[in-house]
Amino acid sequence: MAIAINGSTYYRTAEVYQIVGISRSTLFRWLKEGSFRDVQNVDRRGWRLFT
């Protein structure tokens, strides 16, 4: 379920890899390699949020 914060829509990690159609391990490998720039956003639990 997408999250709306201050008018912007954010997606959690599980939603992103399901929407994109890749595996969880591929997404985490890409994150480790620095393929994404906008991962500074986190929710109250410290989970990554993507725009």
N, C-alpha and C. Protein backbone atom coordinates (compact mmCIF):
# COMPACT_ATOMS: atom_id res chain seq x y z
N MET A 1 0.84 -1.17 0.00
CA MET A 1 0.00 0.00 0.00
C MET A 1 0.89 1.24 0.00
N ALA A 2 0.69 2.10 -0.95
CA ALA A 2 1.46 3.33 -1.07
C ALA A 2 1.15 4.25 0.11
N ILE A 3 2.10 5.09 0.44
CA ILE A 3 1.97 6.02 1.56
C ILE A 3 2.02 7.44 1.00
N ALA A 4 1.10 8.28 1.41
CA ALA A 4 1.11 9.68 1.01
C ALA A 4 1.65 10.52 2.16
N ILE A 5 2.73 11.25 1.90
CA ILE A 5 3.33 12.13 2.90
C ILE A 5 3.52 13.50 2.27
N ASN A 6 2.90 14.49 2.85
CA ASN A 6 2.99 15.87 2.35
C ASN A 6 2.72 15.97 0.86
N GLY A 7 1.72 15.24 0.38
CA GLY A 7 1.34 15.31 -1.02
C GLY A 7 2.16 14.46 -1.97
N SER A 8 3.17 13.75 -1.48
CA SER A 8 3.99 12.87 -2.31
C SER A 8 3.64 11.42 -2.01
N THR A 9 3.69 10.58 -3.02
CA THR A 9 3.39 9.16 -2.85
C THR A 9 4.69 8.38 -2.74
N TYR A 10 4.78 7.53 -1.72
CA TYR A 10 5.96 6.72 -1.49
C TYR A 10 5.58 5.25 -1.45
N TYR A 11 6.53 4.40 -1.89
CA TYR A 11 6.32 2.96 -1.91
C TYR A 11 7.37 2.28 -1.05
N ARG A 12 6.96 1.20 -0.37
CA ARG A 12 7.91 0.42 0.43
C ARG A 12 8.68 -0.52 -0.48
N THR A 13 9.74 -1.10 0.05
CA THR A 13 10.63 -1.97 -0.72
C THR A 13 9.88 -3.12 -1.39
N ALA A 14 9.03 -3.82 -0.66
CA ALA A 14 8.30 -4.95 -1.22
C ALA A 14 7.40 -4.52 -2.38
N GLU A 15 6.80 -3.37 -2.26
CA GLU A 15 5.94 -2.87 -3.33
C GLU A 15 6.75 -2.55 -4.58
N VAL A 16 7.92 -1.99 -4.38
CA VAL A 16 8.76 -1.60 -5.52
C VAL A 16 9.19 -2.82 -6.32
N TYR A 17 9.72 -3.85 -5.69
CA TYR A 17 10.19 -4.98 -6.49
C TYR A 17 9.05 -5.75 -7.11
N GLN A 18 7.86 -5.72 -6.52
CA GLN A 18 6.70 -6.37 -7.13
C GLN A 18 6.19 -5.56 -8.32
N ILE A 19 6.13 -4.26 -8.20
CA ILE A 19 5.68 -3.40 -9.29
C ILE A 19 6.64 -3.50 -10.48
N VAL A 20 7.93 -3.45 -10.19
CA VAL A 20 8.93 -3.47 -11.25
C VAL A 20 9.08 -4.86 -11.86
N GLY A 21 8.77 -5.89 -11.09
CA GLY A 21 8.85 -7.25 -11.59
C GLY A 21 10.23 -7.87 -11.48
N ILE A 22 10.94 -7.51 -10.40
CA ILE A 22 12.26 -8.08 -10.14
C ILE A 22 12.23 -8.79 -8.80
N SER A 23 13.28 -9.52 -8.51
CA SER A 23 13.34 -10.21 -7.22
C SER A 23 13.81 -9.26 -6.12
N ARG A 24 13.55 -9.67 -4.91
CA ARG A 24 13.98 -8.89 -3.75
C ARG A 24 15.50 -8.75 -3.73
N SER A 25 16.19 -9.85 -4.01
CA SER A 25 17.65 -9.82 -3.98
C SER A 25 18.22 -8.89 -5.04
N THR A 26 17.58 -8.81 -6.20
CA THR A 26 18.04 -7.89 -7.25
C THR A 26 17.90 -6.45 -6.78
N LEU A 27 16.76 -6.11 -6.19
CA LEU A 27 16.57 -4.75 -5.70
C LEU A 27 17.62 -4.40 -4.65
N PHE A 28 17.86 -5.30 -3.70
CA PHE A 28 18.85 -5.01 -2.67
C PHE A 28 20.26 -4.94 -3.22
N ARG A 29 20.56 -5.72 -4.24
CA ARG A 29 21.87 -5.62 -4.89
C ARG A 29 22.01 -4.26 -5.56
N TRP A 30 20.97 -3.79 -6.25
CA TRP A 30 21.00 -2.48 -6.89
C TRP A 30 21.15 -1.37 -5.86
N LEU A 31 20.48 -1.52 -4.72
CA LEU A 31 20.62 -0.52 -3.65
C LEU A 31 22.06 -0.48 -3.14
N LYS A 32 22.65 -1.65 -2.95
CA LYS A 32 24.02 -1.73 -2.46
C LYS A 32 25.00 -1.11 -3.46
N GLU A 33 24.73 -1.29 -4.74
CA GLU A 33 25.58 -0.74 -5.80
C GLU A 33 25.39 0.76 -5.98
N GLY A 34 24.36 1.33 -5.35
CA GLY A 34 24.11 2.76 -5.45
C GLY A 34 23.34 3.16 -6.70
N SER A 35 22.53 2.26 -7.23
CA SER A 35 21.78 2.54 -8.45
C SER A 35 20.65 3.54 -8.25
N PHE A 36 20.25 3.80 -7.01
CA PHE A 36 19.16 4.71 -6.72
C PHE A 36 19.66 5.88 -5.88
N ARG A 37 19.13 7.06 -6.17
CA ARG A 37 19.56 8.25 -5.45
C ARG A 37 18.57 8.72 -4.40
N ASP A 38 17.31 8.39 -4.53
CA ASP A 38 16.30 8.97 -3.64
C ASP A 38 15.87 8.02 -2.52
N VAL A 39 16.82 7.30 -1.93
CA VAL A 39 16.49 6.33 -0.89
C VAL A 39 16.72 6.92 0.50
N GLN A 40 16.94 8.21 0.59
CA GLN A 40 17.15 8.83 1.90
C GLN A 40 15.86 8.83 2.72
N ASN A 41 14.73 8.68 2.05
CA ASN A 41 13.44 8.72 2.73
C ASN A 41 13.18 7.40 3.45
N VAL A 42 12.86 7.50 4.72
CA VAL A 42 12.52 6.32 5.51
C VAL A 42 11.29 6.60 6.34
N ASP A 43 10.57 5.54 6.70
CA ASP A 43 9.40 5.72 7.55
C ASP A 43 9.82 5.67 9.02
N ARG A 44 8.86 5.68 9.91
CA ARG A 44 9.17 5.74 11.35
C ARG A 44 9.89 4.50 11.85
N ARG A 45 9.82 3.40 11.11
CA ARG A 45 10.51 2.16 11.49
C ARG A 45 11.91 2.08 10.88
N GLY A 46 12.27 3.03 10.04
CA GLY A 46 13.57 3.01 9.40
C GLY A 46 13.56 2.28 8.07
N TRP A 47 12.39 1.91 7.57
CA TRP A 47 12.29 1.21 6.29
C TRP A 47 12.41 2.21 5.15
N ARG A 48 13.04 1.80 4.06
CA ARG A 48 13.21 2.67 2.90
C ARG A 48 11.86 2.97 2.25
N LEU A 49 11.76 4.19 1.74
CA LEU A 49 10.59 4.60 0.97
C LEU A 49 11.05 5.14 -0.36
N PHE A 50 10.38 4.74 -1.43
CA PHE A 50 10.75 5.15 -2.78
C PHE A 50 9.66 6.00 -3.39
N THR A 51 10.06 6.98 -4.20
CA THR A 51 9.09 7.81 -4.90
C THR A 51 8.77 7.21 -6.25
